[in-house]
Amino acid sequence: MTRLQMEAAKKTLPRLTEWKTWTEEQRRLSKELDCRSMINSCLCYGGIADFWRECEWRFGQDKSYAAPHIRELGLARVKELVAEQERDFAAAKLYRDVFTDSEGVTYNSIVWADEFEKEKTA
């Protein structure tokens, strides 16, 4: 799922302030979109191994980025989401160090296949 597809899916959800009235399907979609965002971040900055790897700084909690998503969505669904995001990422362009903040931290950017045309005209 590309950034544009994720944005379109988010627009189908009611406002966050109305979360108490969300259906189970809407809650699941929100959780899946959150999972996809974390997968994309890991793909953008180091690879999917970072998604599964334990992170020592998480103080006694489940230590991988994947853990909360597995609890919420189940391991099988998270694996499906990873496979889908990897397929879409393989067709995308990754630009490294496109922005540096005031502390010297650099940021990467993904241009998804469905954004290539927009990139060409920009």
PDB file of N, CA and C in Angstrom:
ATOM      1  N   MET A   1       0.852  -1.172   0.000  1.00  0.00           N
ATOM      2  CA  MET A   1       0.000   0.000   0.000  1.00  0.00           C
ATOM      3  C   MET A   1       0.900   1.239   0.000  1.00  0.00           C
ATOM      4  N   THR A   2       0.687   2.103  -0.953  1.00  0.00           N
ATOM      5  CA  THR A   2       1.509   3.308  -1.084  1.00  0.00           C
ATOM      6  C   THR A   2       1.001   4.406  -0.150  1.00  0.00           C
ATOM      7  N   ARG A   3       1.752   5.475  -0.066  1.00  0.00           N
ATOM      8  CA  ARG A   3       1.363   6.605   0.773  1.00  0.00           C
ATOM      9  C   ARG A   3      -0.008   7.147   0.344  1.00  0.00           C
ATOM     10  N   LEU A   4      -0.210   7.298  -0.962  1.00  0.00           N
ATOM     11  CA  LEU A   4      -1.487   7.816  -1.451  1.00  0.00           C
ATOM     12  C   LEU A   4      -2.642   6.878  -1.095  1.00  0.00           C
ATOM     13  N   GLN A   5      -2.420   5.583  -1.205  1.00  0.00           N
ATOM     14  CA  GLN A   5      -3.454   4.608  -0.844  1.00  0.00           C
ATOM     15  C   GLN A   5      -3.736   4.642   0.661  1.00  0.00           C
ATOM     16  N   MET A   6      -2.675   4.804   1.459  1.00  0.00           N
ATOM     17  CA  MET A   6      -2.855   4.887   2.907  1.00  0.00           C
ATOM     18  C   MET A   6      -3.640   6.146   3.282  1.00  0.00           C
ATOM     19  N   GLU A   7      -3.329   7.266   2.627  1.00  0.00           N
ATOM     20  CA  GLU A   7      -4.063   8.501   2.908  1.00  0.00           C
ATOM     21  C   GLU A   7      -5.536   8.354   2.540  1.00  0.00           C
ATOM     22  N   ALA A   8      -5.807   7.719   1.427  1.00  0.00           N
ATOM     23  CA  ALA A   8      -7.197   7.495   1.020  1.00  0.00           C
ATOM     24  C   ALA A   8      -7.923   6.615   2.038  1.00  0.00           C
ATOM     25  N   ALA A   9      -7.263   5.581   2.518  1.00  0.00           N
ATOM     26  CA  ALA A   9      -7.873   4.699   3.518  1.00  0.00           C
ATOM     27  C   ALA A   9      -8.132   5.452   4.821  1.00  0.00           C
ATOM     28  N   LYS A  10      -7.201   6.310   5.224  1.00  0.00           N
ATOM     29  CA  LYS A  10      -7.386   7.096   6.455  1.00  0.00           C
ATOM     30  C   LYS A  10      -8.605   8.006   6.348  1.00  0.00           C
ATOM     31  N   LYS A  11      -8.846   8.528   5.159  1.00  0.00           N
ATOM     32  CA  LYS A  11      -9.979   9.435   4.970  1.00  0.00           C
ATOM     33  C   LYS A  11     -11.320   8.725   5.134  1.00  0.00           C
ATOM     34  N   THR A  12     -11.325   7.396   5.057  1.00  0.00           N
ATOM     35  CA  THR A  12     -12.574   6.658   5.243  1.00  0.00           C
ATOM     36  C   THR A  12     -12.926   6.511   6.726  1.00  0.00           C
ATOM     37  N   LEU A  13     -11.971   6.787   7.586  1.00  0.00           N
ATOM     38  CA  LEU A  13     -12.205   6.644   9.026  1.00  0.00           C
ATOM     39  C   LEU A  13     -12.862   7.903   9.592  1.00  0.00           C
ATOM     40  N   PRO A  14     -13.737   7.729  10.589  1.00  0.00           N
ATOM     41  CA  PRO A  14     -14.295   8.903  11.267  1.00  0.00           C
ATOM     42  C   PRO A  14     -13.175   9.668  11.982  1.00  0.00           C
ATOM     43  N   ARG A  15     -13.496  10.843  12.430  1.00  0.00           N
ATOM     44  CA  ARG A  15     -12.500  11.649  13.142  1.00  0.00           C
ATOM     45  C   ARG A  15     -11.995  10.899  14.363  1.00  0.00           C
ATOM     46  N   LEU A  16     -10.727  11.137  14.698  1.00  0.00           N
ATOM     47  CA  LEU A  16     -10.115  10.463  15.837  1.00  0.00           C
ATOM     48  C   LEU A  16     -10.859  10.782  17.129  1.00  0.00           C
ATOM     49  N   THR A  17     -11.394  11.978  17.250  1.00  0.00           N
ATOM     50  CA  THR A  17     -12.128  12.339  18.460  1.00  0.00           C
ATOM     51  C   THR A  17     -13.400  11.517  18.628  1.00  0.00           C
ATOM     52  N   GLU A  18     -13.812  10.836  17.569  1.00  0.00           N
ATOM     53  CA  GLU A  18     -15.017  10.005  17.614  1.00  0.00           C
ATOM     54  C   GLU A  18     -14.681   8.516  17.735  1.00  0.00           C
ATOM     55  N   TRP A  19     -13.482   8.199  18.204  1.00  0.00           N
ATOM     56  CA  TRP A  19     -13.009   6.812  18.217  1.00  0.00           C
ATOM     57  C   TRP A  19     -13.919   5.879  19.007  1.00  0.00           C
ATOM     58  N   LYS A  20     -14.632   6.400  19.978  1.00  0.00           N
ATOM     59  CA  LYS A  20     -15.515   5.542  20.779  1.00  0.00           C
ATOM     60  C   LYS A  20     -16.659   4.963  19.953  1.00  0.00           C
ATOM     61  N   THR A  21     -16.989   5.599  18.837  1.00  0.00           N
ATOM     62  CA  THR A  21     -18.090   5.128  17.996  1.00  0.00           C
ATOM     63  C   THR A  21     -17.598   4.310  16.804  1.00  0.00           C
ATOM     64  N   TRP A  22     -16.285   4.111  16.694  1.00  0.00           N
ATOM     65  CA  TRP A  22     -15.734   3.370  15.559  1.00  0.00           C
ATOM     66  C   TRP A  22     -16.207   1.918  15.603  1.00  0.00           C
ATOM     67  N   THR A  23     -16.436   1.356  14.431  1.00  0.00           N
ATOM     68  CA  THR A  23     -16.762  -0.066  14.344  1.00  0.00           C
ATOM     69  C   THR A  23     -15.483  -0.872  14.524  1.00  0.00           C
ATOM     70  N   GLU A  24     -15.637  -2.151  14.734  1.00  0.00           N
ATOM     71  CA  GLU A  24     -14.465  -3.029  14.867  1.00  0.00           C
ATOM     72  C   GLU A  24     -13.644  -3.008  13.578  1.00  0.00           C
ATOM     73  N   GLU A  25     -14.301  -2.955  12.439  1.00  0.00           N
ATOM     74  CA  GLU A  25     -13.612  -2.900  11.152  1.00  0.00           C
ATOM     75  C   GLU A  25     -12.791  -1.609  11.033  1.00  0.00           C
ATOM     76  N   GLN A  26     -13.331  -0.496  11.475  1.00  0.00           N
ATOM     77  CA  GLN A  26     -12.599   0.779  11.432  1.00  0.00           C
ATOM     78  C   GLN A  26     -11.397   0.750  12.367  1.00  0.00           C
ATOM     79  N   ARG A  27     -11.567   0.158  13.537  1.00  0.00           N
ATOM     80  CA  ARG A  27     -10.441   0.044  14.474  1.00  0.00           C
ATOM     81  C   ARG A  27      -9.327  -0.822  13.878  1.00  0.00           C
ATOM     82  N   ARG A  28      -9.724  -1.909  13.254  1.00  0.00           N
ATOM     83  CA  ARG A  28      -8.733  -2.805  12.639  1.00  0.00           C
ATOM     84  C   ARG A  28      -7.996  -2.092  11.503  1.00  0.00           C
ATOM     85  N   LEU A  29      -8.713  -1.353  10.670  1.00  0.00           N
ATOM     86  CA  LEU A  29      -8.073  -0.610   9.590  1.00  0.00           C
ATOM     87  C   LEU A  29      -7.075   0.392  10.151  1.00  0.00           C
ATOM     88  N   SER A  30      -7.444   1.092  11.191  1.00  0.00           N
ATOM     89  CA  SER A  30      -6.543   2.064  11.813  1.00  0.00           C
ATOM     90  C   SER A  30      -5.273   1.380  12.324  1.00  0.00           C
ATOM     91  N   LYS A  31      -5.438   0.219  12.961  1.00  0.00           N
ATOM     92  CA  LYS A  31      -4.286  -0.529  13.473  1.00  0.00           C
ATOM     93  C   LYS A  31      -3.409  -1.035  12.323  1.00  0.00           C
ATOM     94  N   GLU A  32      -4.034  -1.466  11.233  1.00  0.00           N
ATOM     95  CA  GLU A  32      -3.259  -1.943  10.084  1.00  0.00           C
ATOM     96  C   GLU A  32      -2.503  -0.792   9.423  1.00  0.00           C
ATOM     97  N   LEU A  33      -3.113   0.369   9.339  1.00  0.00           N
ATOM     98  CA  LEU A  33      -2.429   1.525   8.760  1.00  0.00           C
ATOM     99  C   LEU A  33      -1.246   1.939   9.628  1.00  0.00           C
ATOM    100  N   ASP A  34      -1.416   1.866  10.945  1.00  0.00           N
ATOM    101  CA  ASP A  34      -0.314   2.169  11.861  1.00  0.00           C
ATOM    102  C   ASP A  34       0.831   1.172  11.666  1.00  0.00           C
ATOM    103  N   CYS A  35       0.486  -0.084  11.527  1.00  0.00           N
ATOM    104  CA  CYS A  35       1.490  -1.129  11.292  1.00  0.00           C
ATOM    105  C   CYS A  35       2.223  -0.880   9.982  1.00  0.00           C
ATOM    106  N   ARG A  36       1.482  -0.565   8.927  1.00  0.00           N
ATOM    107  CA  ARG A  36       2.098  -0.287   7.630  1.00  0.00           C
ATOM    108  C   ARG A  36       3.049   0.902   7.714  1.00  0.00           C
ATOM    109  N   SER A  37       2.672   1.926   8.463  1.00  0.00           N
ATOM    110  CA  SER A  37       3.545   3.093   8.622  1.00  0.00           C
ATOM    111  C   SER A  37       4.866   2.705   9.281  1.00  0.00           C
ATOM    112  N   MET A  38       4.793   1.864  10.307  1.00  0.00           N
ATOM    113  CA  MET A  38       6.025   1.429  10.979  1.00  0.00           C
ATOM    114  C   MET A  38       6.871   0.563  10.050  1.00  0.00           C
ATOM    115  N   ILE A  39       6.241  -0.309   9.287  1.00  0.00           N
ATOM    116  CA  ILE A  39       6.965  -1.133   8.316  1.00  0.00           C
ATOM    117  C   ILE A  39       7.671  -0.242   7.309  1.00  0.00           C
ATOM    118  N   ASN A  40       6.949   0.760   6.785  1.00  0.00           N
ATOM    119  CA  ASN A  40       7.551   1.675   5.813  1.00  0.00           C
ATOM    120  C   ASN A  40       8.738   2.422   6.395  1.00  0.00           C
ATOM    121  N   SER A  41       8.614   2.845   7.632  1.00  0.00           N
ATOM    122  CA  SER A  41       9.724   3.541   8.284  1.00  0.00           C
ATOM    123  C   SER A  41      10.952   2.637   8.377  1.00  0.00           C
ATOM    124  N   CYS A  42      10.729   1.391   8.753  1.00  0.00           N
ATOM    125  CA  CYS A  42      11.849   0.448   8.839  1.00  0.00           C
ATOM    126  C   CYS A  42      12.450   0.183   7.464  1.00  0.00           C
ATOM    127  N   LEU A  43      11.620   0.040   6.447  1.00  0.00           N
ATOM    128  CA  LEU A  43      12.130  -0.159   5.091  1.00  0.00           C
ATOM    129  C   LEU A  43      12.939   1.046   4.632  1.00  0.00           C
ATOM    130  N   CYS A  44      12.480   2.223   4.975  1.00  0.00           N
ATOM    131  CA  CYS A  44      13.117   3.464   4.550  1.00  0.00           C
ATOM    132  C   CYS A  44      14.466   3.686   5.228  1.00  0.00           C
ATOM    133  N   TYR A  45      14.611   3.215   6.455  1.00  0.00           N
ATOM    134  CA  TYR A  45      15.818   3.523   7.230  1.00  0.00           C
ATOM    135  C   TYR A  45      16.721   2.340   7.528  1.00  0.00           C
ATOM    136  N   GLY A  46      16.453   1.167   7.007  1.00  0.00           N
ATOM    137  CA  GLY A  46      17.412   0.125   7.315  1.00  0.00           C
ATOM    138  C   GLY A  46      16.988  -1.272   6.934  1.00  0.00           C
ATOM    139  N   GLY A  47      15.757  -1.442   6.559  1.00  0.00           N
ATOM    140  CA  GLY A  47      15.339  -2.767   6.155  1.00  0.00           C
ATOM    141  C   GLY A  47      14.351  -3.373   7.122  1.00  0.00           C
ATOM    142  N   ILE A  48      13.676  -4.384   6.659  1.00  0.00           N
ATOM    143  CA  ILE A  48      12.597  -4.979   7.441  1.00  0.00           C
ATOM    144  C   ILE A  48      13.122  -5.725   8.664  1.00  0.00           C
ATOM    145  N   ALA A  49      14.390  -6.083   8.666  1.00  0.00           N
ATOM    146  CA  ALA A  49      14.946  -6.733   9.859  1.00  0.00           C
ATOM    147  C   ALA A  49      14.782  -5.843  11.085  1.00  0.00           C
ATOM    148  N   ASP A  50      14.830  -4.517  10.888  1.00  0.00           N
ATOM    149  CA  ASP A  50      14.639  -3.591  12.004  1.00  0.00           C
ATOM    150  C   ASP A  50      13.241  -3.716  12.607  1.00  0.00           C
ATOM    151  N   PHE A  51      12.267  -4.063  11.799  1.00  0.00           N
ATOM    152  CA  PHE A  51      10.895  -4.222  12.282  1.00  0.00           C
ATOM    153  C   PHE A  51      10.800  -5.393  13.257  1.00  0.00           C
ATOM    154  N   TRP A  52      11.502  -6.468  12.964  1.00  0.00           N
ATOM    155  CA  TRP A  52      11.434  -7.674  13.795  1.00  0.00           C
ATOM    156  C   TRP A  52      12.451  -7.663  14.930  1.00  0.00           C
ATOM    157  N   ARG A  53      13.539  -6.908  14.777  1.00  0.00           N
ATOM    158  CA  ARG A  53      14.652  -6.911  15.742  1.00  0.00           C
ATOM    159  C   ARG A  53      14.229  -6.313  17.079  1.00  0.00           C
ATOM    160  N   GLU A  54      14.807  -6.855  18.128  1.00  0.00           N
ATOM    161  CA  GLU A  54      14.564  -6.311  19.453  1.00  0.00           C
ATOM    162  C   GLU A  54      15.291  -4.986  19.608  1.00  0.00           C
ATOM    163  N   CYS A  55      14.640  -4.034  20.281  1.00  0.00           N
ATOM    164  CA  CYS A  55      15.220  -2.718  20.530  1.00  0.00           C
ATOM    165  C   CYS A  55      15.392  -2.573  22.035  1.00  0.00           C
ATOM    166  N   GLU A  56      16.595  -2.510  22.493  1.00  0.00           N
ATOM    167  CA  GLU A  56      16.881  -2.529  23.931  1.00  0.00           C
ATOM    168  C   GLU A  56      16.349  -1.308  24.671  1.00  0.00           C
ATOM    169  N   TRP A  57      16.113  -0.217  24.007  1.00  0.00           N
ATOM    170  CA  TRP A  57      15.696   1.002  24.691  1.00  0.00           C
ATOM    171  C   TRP A  57      14.237   0.992  25.126  1.00  0.00           C
ATOM    172  N   ARG A  58      13.516  -0.063  24.893  1.00  0.00           N
ATOM    173  CA  ARG A  58      12.076  -0.053  25.205  1.00  0.00           C
ATOM    174  C   ARG A  58      11.745  -0.577  26.605  1.00  0.00           C
ATOM    175  N   PHE A  59      12.680  -0.500  27.541  1.00  0.00           N
ATOM    176  CA  PHE A  59      12.466  -0.685  28.974  1.00  0.00           C
ATOM    177  C   PHE A  59      11.417  -1.700  29.401  1.00  0.00           C
ATOM    178  N   GLY A  60      11.731  -2.945  29.236  1.00  0.00           N
ATOM    179  CA  GLY A  60      10.901  -3.993  29.785  1.00  0.00           C
ATOM    180  C   GLY A  60       9.627  -4.307  29.019  1.00  0.00           C
ATOM    181  N   GLN A  61       9.350  -3.582  27.981  1.00  0.00           N
ATOM    182  CA  GLN A  61       8.183  -3.891  27.160  1.00  0.00           C
ATOM    183  C   GLN A  61       8.604  -4.903  26.113  1.00  0.00           C
ATOM    184  N   ASP A  62       7.628  -5.378  25.322  1.00  0.00           N
ATOM    185  CA  ASP A  62       8.003  -6.178  24.169  1.00  0.00           C
ATOM    186  C   ASP A  62       8.954  -5.311  23.373  1.00  0.00           C
ATOM    187  N   LYS A  63      10.047  -5.861  22.907  1.00  0.00           N
ATOM    188  CA  LYS A  63      11.147  -5.029  22.437  1.00  0.00           C
ATOM    189  C   LYS A  63      11.278  -4.881  20.934  1.00  0.00           C
ATOM    190  N   SER A  64      10.381  -5.396  20.169  1.00  0.00           N
ATOM    191  CA  SER A  64      10.486  -5.176  18.730  1.00  0.00           C
ATOM    192  C   SER A  64       9.391  -4.232  18.279  1.00  0.00           C
ATOM    193  N   TYR A  65       9.634  -3.551  17.163  1.00  0.00           N
ATOM    194  CA  TYR A  65       8.596  -2.687  16.610  1.00  0.00           C
ATOM    195  C   TYR A  65       7.366  -3.516  16.225  1.00  0.00           C
ATOM    196  N   ALA A  66       7.585  -4.770  15.901  1.00  0.00           N
ATOM    197  CA  ALA A  66       6.502  -5.642  15.463  1.00  0.00           C
ATOM    198  C   ALA A  66       5.589  -6.076  16.610  1.00  0.00           C
ATOM    199  N   ALA A  67       6.115  -6.150  17.811  1.00  0.00           N
ATOM    200  CA  ALA A  67       5.390  -6.752  18.933  1.00  0.00           C
ATOM    201  C   ALA A  67       3.999  -6.178  19.177  1.00  0.00           C
ATOM    202  N   PRO A  68       3.827  -4.854  19.280  1.00  0.00           N
ATOM    203  CA  PRO A  68       2.466  -4.368  19.546  1.00  0.00           C
ATOM    204  C   PRO A  68       1.501  -4.654  18.399  1.00  0.00           C
ATOM    205  N   HIS A  69       2.014  -4.669  17.190  1.00  0.00           N
ATOM    206  CA  HIS A  69       1.170  -4.951  16.030  1.00  0.00           C
ATOM    207  C   HIS A  69       0.767  -6.429  16.002  1.00  0.00           C
ATOM    208  N   ILE A  70       1.683  -7.301  16.395  1.00  0.00           N
ATOM    209  CA  ILE A  70       1.375  -8.733  16.466  1.00  0.00           C
ATOM    210  C   ILE A  70       0.297  -8.978  17.520  1.00  0.00           C
ATOM    211  N   ARG A  71       0.410  -8.292  18.663  1.00  0.00           N
ATOM    212  CA  ARG A  71      -0.603  -8.431  19.715  1.00  0.00           C
ATOM    213  C   ARG A  71      -1.974  -7.989  19.210  1.00  0.00           C
ATOM    214  N   GLU A  72      -2.013  -6.894  18.454  1.00  0.00           N
ATOM    215  CA  GLU A  72      -3.289  -6.329  18.020  1.00  0.00           C
ATOM    216  C   GLU A  72      -3.880  -7.039  16.799  1.00  0.00           C
ATOM    217  N   LEU A  73      -3.015  -7.463  15.868  1.00  0.00           N
ATOM    218  CA  LEU A  73      -3.486  -7.970  14.577  1.00  0.00           C
ATOM    219  C   LEU A  73      -3.234  -9.457  14.364  1.00  0.00           C
ATOM    220  N   GLY A  74      -2.347 -10.023  15.137  1.00  0.00           N
ATOM    221  CA  GLY A  74      -1.964 -11.417  14.955  1.00  0.00           C
ATOM    222  C   GLY A  74      -0.758 -11.541  14.033  1.00  0.00           C
ATOM    223  N   LEU A  75       0.076 -12.523  14.306  1.00  0.00           N
ATOM    224  CA  LEU A  75       1.312 -12.704  13.554  1.00  0.00           C
ATOM    225  C   LEU A  75       1.065 -12.934  12.069  1.00  0.00           C
ATOM    226  N   ALA A  76       0.077 -13.742  11.732  1.00  0.00           N
ATOM    227  CA  ALA A  76      -0.184 -14.044  10.318  1.00  0.00           C
ATOM    228  C   ALA A  76      -0.526 -12.779   9.545  1.00  0.00           C
ATOM    229  N   ARG A  77      -1.371 -11.910  10.122  1.00  0.00           N
ATOM    230  CA  ARG A  77      -1.756 -10.678   9.420  1.00  0.00           C
ATOM    231  C   ARG A  77      -0.575  -9.720   9.305  1.00  0.00           C
ATOM    232  N   VAL A  78       0.233  -9.632  10.342  1.00  0.00           N
ATOM    233  CA  VAL A  78       1.400  -8.755  10.283  1.00  0.00           C
ATOM    234  C   VAL A  78       2.365  -9.234   9.198  1.00  0.00           C
ATOM    235  N   LYS A  79       2.551 -10.541   9.075  1.00  0.00           N
ATOM    236  CA  LYS A  79       3.404 -11.068   8.012  1.00  0.00           C
ATOM    237  C   LYS A  79       2.848 -10.727   6.633  1.00  0.00           C
ATOM    238  N   GLU A  80       1.521 -10.783   6.486  1.00  0.00           N
ATOM    239  CA  GLU A  80       0.896 -10.393   5.213  1.00  0.00           C
ATOM    240  C   GLU A  80       1.156  -8.917   4.910  1.00  0.00           C
ATOM    241  N   LEU A  81       1.014  -8.066   5.919  1.00  0.00           N
ATOM    242  CA  LEU A  81       1.245  -6.629   5.730  1.00  0.00           C
ATOM    243  C   LEU A  81       2.698  -6.351   5.349  1.00  0.00           C
ATOM    244  N   VAL A  82       3.623  -7.052   5.994  1.00  0.00           N
ATOM    245  CA  VAL A  82       5.046  -6.887   5.668  1.00  0.00           C
ATOM    246  C   VAL A  82       5.290  -7.271   4.214  1.00  0.00           C
ATOM    247  N   ALA A  83       4.748  -8.408   3.793  1.00  0.00           N
ATOM    248  CA  ALA A  83       4.940  -8.861   2.410  1.00  0.00           C
ATOM    249  C   ALA A  83       4.368  -7.853   1.417  1.00  0.00           C
ATOM    250  N   GLU A  84       3.185  -7.312   1.712  1.00  0.00           N
ATOM    251  CA  GLU A  84       2.574  -6.316   0.822  1.00  0.00           C
ATOM    252  C   GLU A  84       3.426  -5.052   0.749  1.00  0.00           C
ATOM    253  N   GLN A  85       3.887  -4.586   1.899  1.00  0.00           N
ATOM    254  CA  GLN A  85       4.687  -3.353   1.916  1.00  0.00           C
ATOM    255  C   GLN A  85       6.040  -3.566   1.224  1.00  0.00           C
ATOM    256  N   GLU A  86       6.635  -4.731   1.398  1.00  0.00           N
ATOM    257  CA  GLU A  86       7.901  -5.017   0.716  1.00  0.00           C
ATOM    258  C   GLU A  86       7.720  -5.015  -0.794  1.00  0.00           C
ATOM    259  N   ARG A  87       6.610  -5.587  -1.280  1.00  0.00           N
ATOM    260  CA  ARG A  87       6.343  -5.586  -2.729  1.00  0.00           C
ATOM    261  C   ARG A  87       6.212  -4.161  -3.268  1.00  0.00           C
ATOM    262  N   ASP A  88       5.431  -3.344  -2.583  1.00  0.00           N
ATOM    263  CA  ASP A  88       5.252  -1.963  -3.037  1.00  0.00           C
ATOM    264  C   ASP A  88       6.547  -1.160  -2.903  1.00  0.00           C
ATOM    265  N   PHE A  89       7.305  -1.417  -1.852  1.00  0.00           N
ATOM    266  CA  PHE A  89       8.569  -0.708  -1.643  1.00  0.00           C
ATOM    267  C   PHE A  89       9.581  -1.060  -2.738  1.00  0.00           C
ATOM    268  N   ALA A  90       9.546  -2.300  -3.221  1.00  0.00           N
ATOM    269  CA  ALA A  90      10.463  -2.723  -4.283  1.00  0.00           C
ATOM    270  C   ALA A  90      10.246  -1.915  -5.562  1.00  0.00           C
ATOM    271  N   ALA A  91       9.041  -1.401  -5.772  1.00  0.00           N
ATOM    272  CA  ALA A  91       8.743  -0.604  -6.967  1.00  0.00           C
ATOM    273  C   ALA A  91       8.908   0.897  -6.721  1.00  0.00           C
ATOM    274  N   ALA A  92       9.272   1.268  -5.512  1.00  0.00           N
ATOM    275  CA  ALA A  92       9.409   2.679  -5.145  1.00  0.00           C
ATOM    276  C   ALA A  92      10.860   3.145  -5.293  1.00  0.00           C
ATOM    277  N   LYS A  93      11.039   4.456  -5.201  1.00  0.00           N
ATOM    278  CA  LYS A  93      12.378   5.048  -5.179  1.00  0.00           C
ATOM    279  C   LYS A  93      12.646   5.556  -3.768  1.00  0.00           C
ATOM    280  N   LEU A  94      13.830   5.278  -3.273  1.00  0.00           N
ATOM    281  CA  LEU A  94      14.233   5.754  -1.951  1.00  0.00           C
ATOM    282  C   LEU A  94      15.278   6.839  -2.138  1.00  0.00           C
ATOM    283  N   TYR A  95      15.003   8.001  -1.585  1.00  0.00           N
ATOM    284  CA  TYR A  95      15.968   9.098  -1.605  1.00  0.00           C
ATOM    285  C   TYR A  95      16.521   9.257  -0.197  1.00  0.00           C
ATOM    286  N   ARG A  96      17.822   9.225  -0.090  1.00  0.00           N
ATOM    287  CA  ARG A  96      18.481   9.334   1.220  1.00  0.00           C
ATOM    288  C   ARG A  96      18.927  10.773   1.479  1.00  0.00           C
ATOM    289  N   ASP A  97      18.885  11.132   2.741  1.00  0.00           N
ATOM    290  CA  ASP A  97      19.388  12.429   3.206  1.00  0.00           C
ATOM    291  C   ASP A  97      18.755  13.604   2.472  1.00  0.00           C
ATOM    292  N   VAL A  98      17.441  13.596   2.326  1.00  0.00           N
ATOM    293  CA  VAL A  98      16.757  14.676   1.601  1.00  0.00           C
ATOM    294  C   VAL A  98      16.570  15.921   2.464  1.00  0.00           C
ATOM    295  N   PHE A  99      16.682  15.754   3.775  1.00  0.00           N
ATOM    296  CA  PHE A  99      16.523  16.883   4.674  1.00  0.00           C
ATOM    297  C   PHE A  99      17.412  16.651   5.886  1.00  0.00           C
ATOM    298  N   THR A 100      18.008  17.712   6.382  1.00  0.00           N
ATOM    299  CA  THR A 100      18.800  17.653   7.609  1.00  0.00           C
ATOM    300  C   THR A 100      18.226  18.680   8.571  1.00  0.00           C
ATOM    301  N   ASP A 101      17.915  18.244   9.794  1.00  0.00           N
ATOM    302  CA  ASP A 101      17.349  19.191  10.753  1.00  0.00           C
ATOM    303  C   ASP A 101      18.451  19.954  11.481  1.00  0.00           C
ATOM    304  N   SER A 102      18.070  20.809  12.407  1.00  0.00           N
ATOM    305  CA  SER A 102      19.029  21.681  13.093  1.00  0.00           C
ATOM    306  C   SER A 102      20.007  20.918  13.983  1.00  0.00           C
ATOM    307  N   GLU A 103      19.694  19.669  14.290  1.00  0.00           N
ATOM    308  CA  GLU A 103      20.589  18.851  15.107  1.00  0.00           C
ATOM    309  C   GLU A 103      21.467  17.938  14.256  1.00  0.00           C
ATOM    310  N   GLY A 104      21.354  18.049  12.935  1.00  0.00           N
ATOM    311  CA  GLY A 104      22.180  17.248  12.046  1.00  0.00           C
ATOM    312  C   GLY A 104      21.606  15.893  11.688  1.00  0.00           C
ATOM    313  N   VAL A 105      20.357  15.632  12.103  1.00  0.00           N
ATOM    314  CA  VAL A 105      19.705  14.373  11.778  1.00  0.00           C
ATOM    315  C   VAL A 105      19.212  14.460  10.332  1.00  0.00           C
ATOM    316  N   THR A 106      19.504  13.425   9.558  1.00  0.00           N
ATOM    317  CA  THR A 106      19.054  13.421   8.168  1.00  0.00           C
ATOM    318  C   THR A 106      17.839  12.510   8.009  1.00  0.00           C
ATOM    319  N   TYR A 107      17.040  12.818   6.989  1.00  0.00           N
ATOM    320  CA  TYR A 107      15.805  12.088   6.758  1.00  0.00           C
ATOM    321  C   TYR A 107      15.767  11.559   5.334  1.00  0.00           C
ATOM    322  N   ASN A 108      15.179  10.377   5.196  1.00  0.00           N
ATOM    323  CA  ASN A 108      15.001   9.754   3.887  1.00  0.00           C
ATOM    324  C   ASN A 108      13.572   9.977   3.417  1.00  0.00           C
ATOM    325  N   SER A 109      13.339   9.718   2.147  1.00  0.00           N
ATOM    326  CA  SER A 109      12.005   9.877   1.580  1.00  0.00           C
ATOM    327  C   SER A 109      11.731   8.752   0.581  1.00  0.00           C
ATOM    328  N   ILE A 110      10.505   8.274   0.581  1.00  0.00           N
ATOM    329  CA  ILE A 110      10.071   7.249  -0.361  1.00  0.00           C
ATOM    330  C   ILE A 110       9.152   7.913  -1.382  1.00  0.00           C
ATOM    331  N   VAL A 111       9.421   7.676  -2.661  1.00  0.00           N
ATOM    332  CA  VAL A 111       8.503   8.080  -3.717  1.00  0.00           C
ATOM    333  C   VAL A 111       7.946   6.781  -4.287  1.00  0.00           C
ATOM    334  N   TRP A 112       6.644   6.582  -4.057  1.00  0.00           N
ATOM    335  CA  TRP A 112       5.979   5.352  -4.461  1.00  0.00           C
ATOM    336  C   TRP A 112       5.688   5.365  -5.956  1.00  0.00           C
ATOM    337  N   ALA A 113       5.491   4.195  -6.514  1.00  0.00           N
ATOM    338  CA  ALA A 113       5.265   4.059  -7.954  1.00  0.00           C
ATOM    339  C   ALA A 113       4.103   4.928  -8.424  1.00  0.00           C
ATOM    340  N   ASP A 114       3.049   5.041  -7.624  1.00  0.00           N
ATOM    341  CA  ASP A 114       1.904   5.858  -8.048  1.00  0.00           C
ATOM    342  C   ASP A 114       2.163   7.359  -7.913  1.00  0.00           C
ATOM    343  N   GLU A 115       3.325   7.717  -7.401  1.00  0.00           N
ATOM    344  CA  GLU A 115       3.699   9.123  -7.286  1.00  0.00           C
ATOM    345  C   GLU A 115       4.729   9.548  -8.331  1.00  0.00           C
ATOM    346  N   PHE A 116       5.247   8.606  -9.111  1.00  0.00           N
ATOM    347  CA  PHE A 116       6.294   8.933 -10.088  1.00  0.00           C
ATOM    348  C   PHE A 116       5.868  10.039 -11.042  1.00  0.00           C
ATOM    349  N   GLU A 117       4.643   9.973 -11.550  1.00  0.00           N
ATOM    350  CA  GLU A 117       4.176  10.978 -12.493  1.00  0.00           C
ATOM    351  C   GLU A 117       4.131  12.354 -11.848  1.00  0.00           C
ATOM    352  N   LYS A 118       3.663  12.412 -10.614  1.00  0.00           N
ATOM    353  CA  LYS A 118       3.624  13.686  -9.904  1.00  0.00           C
ATOM    354  C   LYS A 118       5.034  14.243  -9.713  1.00  0.00           C
ATOM    355  N   GLU A 119       5.995  13.345  -9.443  1.00  0.00           N
ATOM    356  CA  GLU A 119       7.383  13.748  -9.241  1.00  0.00           C
ATOM    357  C   GLU A 119       7.965  14.339 -10.525  1.00  0.00           C
ATOM    358  N   LYS A 120       7.625  13.745 -11.651  1.00  0.00           N
ATOM    359  CA  LYS A 120       8.144  14.223 -12.936  1.00  0.00           C
ATOM    360  C   LYS A 120       7.661  15.613 -13.284  1.00  0.00           C
ATOM    361  N   THR A 121       6.432  15.946 -12.893  1.00  0.00           N
ATOM    362  CA  THR A 121       5.867  17.252 -13.232  1.00  0.00           C
ATOM    363  C   THR A 121       6.177  18.327 -12.199  1.00  0.00           C
ATOM    364  N   ALA A 122       6.716  17.930 -11.061  1.00  0.00           N
ATOM    365  CA  ALA A 122       7.022  18.899  -9.997  1.00  0.00           C
ATOM    366  C   ALA A 122       8.289  19.679 -10.291  1.00  0.00           C
TER     367      ALA A 122
END
